Amino acid sequence: MGGESRHGASACVAWRADVEALLVRRHRDARYDGFIVPVDVCYELTGLLRQKWRGIDGGDEARAALDELFASLRTRSGGGAS
């Protein structure tokens, strides 16, 4: 799969359909983290958010869980994309 991002940078990424997914997080300061992950990580994220989410914005506990998950992905990937 390839194409142009909305910022004009070439985006040429390949992953295995039905097994991997593109997981992207937008930070409040408009930075992005993106990883190609096993679909199981998406299910893990869904479970985490269902457990931790409070109120409209998720709350501190949900944000901390997101921070931990993405830090883990960054470590596993050898630095990750920011």
Protein backbone atom coordinates (compact mmCIF):
# COMPACT_ATOMS: atom_id res chain seq x y z
CA MET A 1 0.00 0.00 0.00
CA GLY A 2 1.42 3.41 -0.87
CA GLY A 3 0.38 7.00 -1.27
CA GLU A 4 0.84 10.51 -0.08
CA SER A 5 0.17 11.67 3.45
CA ARG A 6 -1.84 14.82 3.95
CA HIS A 7 1.47 16.58 4.64
CA GLY A 8 2.90 15.55 1.25
CA ALA A 9 5.45 13.03 2.54
CA SER A 10 5.63 9.76 0.69
CA ALA A 11 3.89 7.00 2.63
CA CYS A 12 4.90 3.60 1.32
CA VAL A 13 3.92 1.00 3.86
CA ALA A 14 3.09 -2.68 3.48
CA TRP A 15 1.46 -4.89 6.02
CA ARG A 16 -0.35 -8.21 6.09
CA ALA A 17 -4.11 -7.79 5.72
CA ASP A 18 -6.24 -9.28 8.52
CA VAL A 19 -3.12 -9.78 10.67
CA GLU A 20 -1.62 -6.32 11.10
CA ALA A 21 -3.00 -2.81 11.50
CA LEU A 22 -1.73 0.76 11.42
CA LEU A 23 -2.11 2.22 14.91
CA VAL A 24 -1.74 6.01 15.09
CA ARG A 25 -1.93 8.33 18.09
CA ARG A 26 -2.24 12.09 17.81
CA HIS A 27 -0.82 14.01 20.76
CA ARG A 28 -2.27 17.26 22.07
CA ASP A 29 0.70 19.14 20.58
CA ALA A 30 -0.17 17.74 17.11
CA ARG A 31 2.67 15.19 17.01
CA TYR A 32 1.84 11.68 15.82
CA ASP A 33 3.09 8.22 16.78
CA GLY A 34 2.40 5.45 14.29
CA PHE A 35 3.14 1.74 14.31
CA ILE A 36 2.25 -1.30 12.26
CA VAL A 37 1.13 -3.75 14.93
CA PRO A 38 -0.42 -7.19 15.20
CA VAL A 39 -4.21 -6.97 15.37
CA ASP A 40 -3.97 -8.38 18.90
CA VAL A 41 -2.47 -5.05 20.03
CA CYS A 42 -5.62 -3.29 18.81
CA TYR A 43 -7.75 -5.65 20.88
CA GLU A 44 -5.46 -4.99 23.86
CA LEU A 45 -5.96 -1.24 23.37
CA THR A 46 -9.73 -1.66 23.18
CA GLY A 47 -9.76 -3.65 26.42
CA LEU A 48 -7.54 -1.12 28.19
CA LEU A 49 -9.75 1.79 27.19
CA ARG A 50 -12.93 -0.05 28.18
CA GLN A 51 -11.46 -0.64 31.64
CA LYS A 52 -9.88 2.76 32.22
CA TRP A 53 -12.08 5.30 30.39
CA ARG A 54 -13.91 7.77 32.65
CA GLY A 55 -16.02 10.75 31.63
CA ILE A 56 -15.85 12.49 28.29
CA ASP A 57 -12.07 12.74 27.80
CA GLY A 58 -11.07 9.40 29.32
CA GLY A 59 -9.41 10.78 32.42
CA ASP A 60 -5.88 10.53 33.76
CA GLU A 61 -5.94 6.74 34.15
CA ALA A 62 -6.88 6.16 30.49
CA ARG A 63 -4.23 8.63 29.29
CA ALA A 64 -1.60 6.92 31.46
CA ALA A 65 -2.58 3.53 29.99
CA LEU A 66 -2.23 4.97 26.46
CA ASP A 67 1.16 6.44 27.36
CA GLU A 68 2.34 3.05 28.66
CA LEU A 69 1.07 1.13 25.63
CA PHE A 70 2.69 3.49 23.12
CA ALA A 71 5.94 3.62 25.13
CA SER A 72 6.00 -0.18 24.99
CA LEU A 73 5.43 -0.12 21.22
CA ARG A 74 8.18 2.48 20.80
CA THR A 75 10.61 0.32 22.82
CA ARG A 76 9.73 -2.85 20.91
CA SER A 77 10.22 -1.08 17.58
CA GLY A 78 13.62 0.29 18.49
CA GLY A 79 12.54 3.90 18.70
CA GLY A 80 9.32 4.10 16.71
CA ALA A 81 7.91 6.97 14.73
CA SER A 82 7.07 10.25 16.41
